C-alpha atoms as a PDB file:
ATOM      1  CA  UNK A   1     103.902 109.194 105.078  1.00  0.00           C
ATOM      2  CA  UNK A   2     102.825 108.295 108.575  1.00  0.00           C
ATOM      3  CA  UNK A   3     103.709 104.854 109.920  1.00  0.00           C
ATOM      4  CA  UNK A   4     100.635 102.797 110.753  1.00  0.00           C
ATOM      5  CA  UNK A   5     100.052 100.845 113.936  1.00  0.00           C
ATOM      6  CA  UNK A   6     100.016  97.075 113.551  1.00  0.00           C
ATOM      7  CA  UNK A   7      96.231  96.891 113.991  1.00  0.00           C
ATOM      8  CA  UNK A   8      95.518  99.622 111.446  1.00  0.00           C
ATOM      9  CA  UNK A   9      98.035  98.136 108.995  1.00  0.00           C
ATOM     10  CA  UNK A  10      96.395  94.700 109.239  1.00  0.00           C
ATOM     11  CA  UNK A  11      92.928  96.217 108.817  1.00  0.00           C
ATOM     12  CA  UNK A  12      93.867  98.177 105.673  1.00  0.00           C
ATOM     13  CA  UNK A  13      95.845  95.284 104.150  1.00  0.00           C
ATOM     14  CA  UNK A  14      92.905  92.925 104.699  1.00  0.00           C
ATOM     15  CA  UNK A  15      90.634  95.376 102.871  1.00  0.00           C
ATOM     16  CA  UNK A  16      93.002  95.367  99.899  1.00  0.00           C
ATOM     17  CA  UNK A  17      93.060  91.558  99.952  1.00  0.00           C
ATOM     18  CA  UNK A  18      89.262  91.377 100.110  1.00  0.00           C
ATOM     19  CA  UNK A  19      89.069  93.610  97.035  1.00  0.00           C
ATOM     20  CA  UNK A  20      91.530  91.329  95.220  1.00  0.00           C
ATOM     21  CA  UNK A  21      89.465  88.257  96.151  1.00  0.00           C
ATOM     22  CA  UNK A  22      86.271  89.868  94.831  1.00  0.00           C
ATOM     23  CA  UNK A  23      87.980  90.704  91.547  1.00  0.00           C
ATOM     24  CA  UNK A  24      89.418  87.196  91.276  1.00  0.00           C
ATOM     25  CA  UNK A  25      85.980  85.658  91.810  1.00  0.00           C
ATOM     26  CA  UNK A  26      84.633  87.661  88.867  1.00  0.00           C
ATOM     27  CA  UNK A  27      87.107  86.062  86.446  1.00  0.00           C
ATOM     28  CA  UNK A  28      85.399  82.680  86.260  1.00  0.00           C
ATOM     29  CA  UNK A  29      86.742  79.265  85.269  1.00  0.00           C
ATOM     30  CA  UNK A  30      88.601  78.740  81.995  1.00  0.00           C
ATOM     31  CA  UNK A  31      87.392  76.048  79.609  1.00  0.00           C
ATOM     32  CA  UNK A  32      90.274  76.090  77.110  1.00  0.00           C
ATOM     33  CA  UNK A  33      93.668  77.639  76.453  1.00  0.00           C
ATOM     34  CA  UNK A  34      92.231  80.810  74.926  1.00  0.00           C
ATOM     35  CA  UNK A  35      89.971  81.585  77.880  1.00  0.00           C
ATOM     36  CA  UNK A  36      92.761  80.568  80.251  1.00  0.00           C
ATOM     37  CA  UNK A  37      95.150  83.128  78.740  1.00  0.00           C
ATOM     38  CA  UNK A  38      92.362  85.737  78.524  1.00  0.00           C
ATOM     39  CA  UNK A  39      91.619  85.276  82.220  1.00  0.00           C
ATOM     40  CA  UNK A  40      95.321  85.560  83.061  1.00  0.00           C
ATOM     41  CA  UNK A  41      95.485  88.779  81.056  1.00  0.00           C
ATOM     42  CA  UNK A  42      92.644  90.140  83.205  1.00  0.00           C
ATOM     43  CA  UNK A  43      94.036  88.906  86.503  1.00  0.00           C
ATOM     44  CA  UNK A  44      97.621  90.140  86.240  1.00  0.00           C
ATOM     45  CA  UNK A  45      96.847  93.900  85.956  1.00  0.00           C
ATOM     46  CA  UNK A  46      94.398  93.534  88.832  1.00  0.00           C
ATOM     47  CA  UNK A  47      97.118  91.869  90.862  1.00  0.00           C
ATOM     48  CA  UNK A  48      99.422  94.761  89.984  1.00  0.00           C
ATOM     49  CA  UNK A  49      96.821  97.261  91.167  1.00  0.00           C
ATOM     50  CA  UNK A  50      96.411  95.463  94.473  1.00  0.00           C
ATOM     51  CA  UNK A  51     100.185  95.261  94.934  1.00  0.00           C
ATOM     52  CA  UNK A  52     100.329  99.027  94.332  1.00  0.00           C
ATOM     53  CA  UNK A  53      97.622  99.485  96.975  1.00  0.00           C
ATOM     54  CA  UNK A  54      99.648  97.384  99.415  1.00  0.00           C
ATOM     55  CA  UNK A  55     102.834  99.322  98.603  1.00  0.00           C
ATOM     56  CA  UNK A  56     101.027 102.530  99.572  1.00  0.00           C
ATOM     57  CA  UNK A  57     100.716 101.235 103.143  1.00  0.00           C
ATOM     58  CA  UNK A  58     103.468 102.045 105.634  1.00  0.00           C
ATOM     59  CA  UNK A  59     103.771  99.115 108.046  1.00  0.00           C
ATOM     60  CA  UNK A  60     105.089  99.458 111.571  1.00  0.00           C
ATOM     61  CA  UNK A  61     108.879  99.015 111.823  1.00  0.00           C
ATOM     62  CA  UNK A  62     108.598  95.510 113.295  1.00  0.00           C
ATOM     63  CA  UNK A  63     106.591  94.349 110.242  1.00  0.00           C
ATOM     64  CA  UNK A  64     108.463  96.297 107.546  1.00  0.00           C
ATOM     65  CA  UNK A  65     110.991  93.604 106.546  1.00  0.00           C
ATOM     66  CA  UNK A  66     108.404  90.816 106.384  1.00  0.00           C
ATOM     67  CA  UNK A  67     106.064  93.063 104.414  1.00  0.00           C
ATOM     68  CA  UNK A  68     108.790  93.876 101.870  1.00  0.00           C
ATOM     69  CA  UNK A  69     109.429  90.136 101.384  1.00  0.00           C
ATOM     70  CA  UNK A  70     105.699  89.623 100.826  1.00  0.00           C
ATOM     71  CA  UNK A  71     105.658  92.384  98.204  1.00  0.00           C
ATOM     72  CA  UNK A  72     108.684  90.841  96.500  1.00  0.00           C
ATOM     73  CA  UNK A  73     106.902  87.501  96.260  1.00  0.00           C
ATOM     74  CA  UNK A  74     103.827  89.219  94.822  1.00  0.00           C
ATOM     75  CA  UNK A  75     106.022  90.822  92.165  1.00  0.00           C
ATOM     76  CA  UNK A  76     107.504  87.408  91.365  1.00  0.00           C
ATOM     77  CA  UNK A  77     104.009  85.947  91.002  1.00  0.00           C
ATOM     78  CA  UNK A  78     103.053  88.720  88.593  1.00  0.00           C
ATOM     79  CA  UNK A  79     106.138  88.160  86.436  1.00  0.00           C
ATOM     80  CA  UNK A  80     105.606  84.397  86.444  1.00  0.00           C
ATOM     81  CA  UNK A  81     102.004  84.977  85.349  1.00  0.00           C
ATOM     82  CA  UNK A  82     103.155  87.141  82.437  1.00  0.00           C
ATOM     83  CA  UNK A  83     105.675  84.491  81.436  1.00  0.00           C
ATOM     84  CA  UNK A  84     102.934  81.865  81.666  1.00  0.00           C
ATOM     85  CA  UNK A  85     100.812  83.797  79.163  1.00  0.00           C
ATOM     86  CA  UNK A  86     103.753  84.049  76.785  1.00  0.00           C
ATOM     87  CA  UNK A  87     104.611  80.368  77.054  1.00  0.00           C
ATOM     88  CA  UNK A  88     100.999  79.295  76.462  1.00  0.00           C
ATOM     89  CA  UNK A  89     100.715  81.499  73.404  1.00  0.00           C
ATOM     90  CA  UNK A  90     103.984  80.092  72.054  1.00  0.00           C
ATOM     91  CA  UNK A  91     102.742  76.522  72.729  1.00  0.00           C
ATOM     92  CA  UNK A  92     105.628  75.906  75.130  1.00  0.00           C
ATOM     93  CA  UNK A  93     103.752  73.526  77.366  1.00  0.00           C
ATOM     94  CA  UNK A  94     106.794  72.251  79.278  1.00  0.00           C
ATOM     95  CA  UNK A  95     107.751  75.816  80.213  1.00  0.00           C
ATOM     96  CA  UNK A  96     104.136  76.606  81.157  1.00  0.00           C
ATOM     97  CA  UNK A  97     104.044  73.601  83.470  1.00  0.00           C
ATOM     98  CA  UNK A  98     107.288  74.735  85.091  1.00  0.00           C
ATOM     99  CA  UNK A  99     105.777  78.168  85.663  1.00  0.00           C
ATOM    100  CA  UNK A 100     102.636  76.633  87.178  1.00  0.00           C
ATOM    101  CA  UNK A 101     104.818  74.734  89.652  1.00  0.00           C
ATOM    102  CA  UNK A 102     106.683  77.954  90.438  1.00  0.00           C
ATOM    103  CA  UNK A 103     103.383  79.764  91.040  1.00  0.00           C
ATOM    104  CA  UNK A 104     102.268  76.965  93.347  1.00  0.00           C
ATOM    105  CA  UNK A 105     105.450  77.353  95.419  1.00  0.00           C
ATOM    106  CA  UNK A 106     104.987  81.131  95.486  1.00  0.00           C
ATOM    107  CA  UNK A 107     101.421  80.699  96.680  1.00  0.00           C
ATOM    108  CA  UNK A 108     102.550  78.596  99.627  1.00  0.00           C
ATOM    109  CA  UNK A 109     105.219  81.154 100.502  1.00  0.00           C
ATOM    110  CA  UNK A 110     102.731  84.038 100.189  1.00  0.00           C
ATOM    111  CA  UNK A 111     100.253  82.230 102.435  1.00  0.00           C
ATOM    112  CA  UNK A 112     102.915  81.643 105.084  1.00  0.00           C
ATOM    113  CA  UNK A 113     104.136  85.238 104.983  1.00  0.00           C
ATOM    114  CA  UNK A 114     100.601  86.617 105.059  1.00  0.00           C
ATOM    115  CA  UNK A 115      99.739  84.574 108.135  1.00  0.00           C
ATOM    116  CA  UNK A 116     102.979  85.669 109.850  1.00  0.00           C
ATOM    117  CA  UNK A 117     101.957  89.306 109.357  1.00  0.00           C
ATOM    118  CA  UNK A 118      98.470  88.635 110.732  1.00  0.00           C
ATOM    119  CA  UNK A 119      96.833  88.810 107.306  1.00  0.00           C
ATOM    120  CA  UNK A 120      95.028  85.485 107.442  1.00  0.00           C
ATOM    121  CA  UNK A 121      92.328  86.710 105.037  1.00  0.00           C
ATOM    122  CA  UNK A 122      94.980  87.424 102.433  1.00  0.00           C
ATOM    123  CA  UNK A 123      96.343  83.897 102.619  1.00  0.00           C
ATOM    124  CA  UNK A 124      93.508  82.420 100.581  1.00  0.00           C
ATOM    125  CA  UNK A 125      94.682  82.875  97.015  1.00  0.00           C
ATOM    126  CA  UNK A 126      96.235  86.296  97.562  1.00  0.00           C
ATOM    127  CA  UNK A 127      97.707  86.393  94.056  1.00  0.00           C
ATOM    128  CA  UNK A 128      94.296  86.654  92.375  1.00  0.00           C
ATOM    129  CA  UNK A 129      94.037  82.946  91.608  1.00  0.00           C
ATOM    130  CA  UNK A 130      97.161  82.799  89.472  1.00  0.00           C
ATOM    131  CA  UNK A 131      99.032  80.370  91.733  1.00  0.00           C
ATOM    132  CA  UNK A 132      95.996  78.167  92.199  1.00  0.00           C
ATOM    133  CA  UNK A 133      97.478  75.431  90.030  1.00  0.00           C
ATOM    134  CA  UNK A 134      98.806  72.178  91.316  1.00  0.00           C
ATOM    135  CA  UNK A 135     101.939  70.830  89.684  1.00  0.00           C
ATOM    136  CA  UNK A 136     101.008  69.222  86.385  1.00  0.00           C
ATOM    137  CA  UNK A 137     102.055  65.749  85.377  1.00  0.00           C
ATOM    138  CA  UNK A 138     105.647  65.590  84.193  1.00  0.00           C
ATOM    139  CA  UNK A 139     105.185  62.619  81.879  1.00  0.00           C
ATOM    140  CA  UNK A 140     102.574  61.948  79.222  1.00  0.00           C
ATOM    141  CA  UNK A 141      99.429  60.503  80.754  1.00  0.00           C
ATOM    142  CA  UNK A 142      98.700  58.609  77.553  1.00  0.00           C
ATOM    143  CA  UNK A 143     100.133  58.383  74.090  1.00  0.00           C
ATOM    144  CA  UNK A 144      97.477  57.887  71.490  1.00  0.00           C
ATOM    145  CA  UNK A 145      98.183  58.015  67.767  1.00  0.00           C
ATOM    146  CA  UNK A 146     101.006  60.566  68.003  1.00  0.00           C
ATOM    147  CA  UNK A 147      99.245  62.692  70.628  1.00  0.00           C
ATOM    148  CA  UNK A 148     100.906  63.438  73.944  1.00  0.00           C
ATOM    149  CA  UNK A 149      98.469  64.199  76.734  1.00  0.00           C
ATOM    150  CA  UNK A 150      99.395  65.991  79.927  1.00  0.00           C
ATOM    151  CA  UNK A 151      97.120  66.870  82.810  1.00  0.00           C
ATOM    152  CA  UNK A 152      97.021  69.645  85.361  1.00  0.00           C
ATOM    153  CA  UNK A 153      94.591  71.272  87.778  1.00  0.00           C
ATOM    154  CA  UNK A 154      93.733  74.982  87.860  1.00  0.00           C
ATOM    155  CA  UNK A 155      91.183  76.577  90.210  1.00  0.00           C
ATOM    156  CA  UNK A 156      89.962  73.133  91.241  1.00  0.00           C
ATOM    157  CA  UNK A 157      89.177  72.049  87.690  1.00  0.00           C
ATOM    158  CA  UNK A 158      91.082  69.403  85.743  1.00  0.00           C
ATOM    159  CA  UNK A 159      92.572  70.177  82.360  1.00  0.00           C
ATOM    160  CA  UNK A 160      94.253  68.037  79.752  1.00  0.00           C
ATOM    161  CA  UNK A 161      96.868  69.395  77.379  1.00  0.00           C
ATOM    162  CA  UNK A 162      96.863  67.545  74.065  1.00  0.00           C
ATOM    163  CA  UNK A 163      99.852  68.069  71.773  1.00  0.00           C
ATOM    164  CA  UNK A 164      99.859  66.884  68.194  1.00  0.00           C
ATOM    165  CA  UNK A 165     102.438  67.600  65.537  1.00  0.00           C
ATOM    166  CA  UNK A 166     100.544  70.680  64.373  1.00  0.00           C
ATOM    167  CA  UNK A 167      98.808  72.145  67.427  1.00  0.00           C
ATOM    168  CA  UNK A 168      98.493  72.219  71.197  1.00  0.00           C
ATOM    169  CA  UNK A 169      95.126  72.435  72.903  1.00  0.00           C
ATOM    170  CA  UNK A 170      94.041  72.678  76.524  1.00  0.00           C
ATOM    171  CA  UNK A 171      90.776  70.886  77.211  1.00  0.00           C
ATOM    172  CA  UNK A 172      88.604  70.983  80.334  1.00  0.00           C
ATOM    173  CA  UNK A 173      88.105  67.461  81.683  1.00  0.00           C
ATOM    174  CA  UNK A 174      84.537  66.887  82.866  1.00  0.00           C
END
């Protein structure tokens, strides 16, 4: 495959990122744990498709190493997203919160690496909104009649995780 010039590489990579952003915007905002996991199930294959599109590009030699690190971080974000789905379905809230923090760190790293390659458009939620979570609270916000409540933010909306002895629910805070 022919090596691209830096300008052409940036142009094509930005087109892939724009496609990923359009797909991420179509997902919407989750209102509970079920829609949250459903949206993650939609977003992760789309992220994989966009990563495959990026892998098809041949960057110039001076950008090749940085681009490979960016692709590695995208792979890590995809795996963390899959693990997040599994942990939410298994009601492992502590593990899910750890994964959300990991995704937040990956997002910052992806943004930095994207900007260093000249892909500023890709830096805004490149991983299809998966790492858009801020670190959730590490301690119960309130204990009320045997219920532990934890809070976190995803896609700019606040959620509360309520754990009882029998079930775990994620509730949108209005």
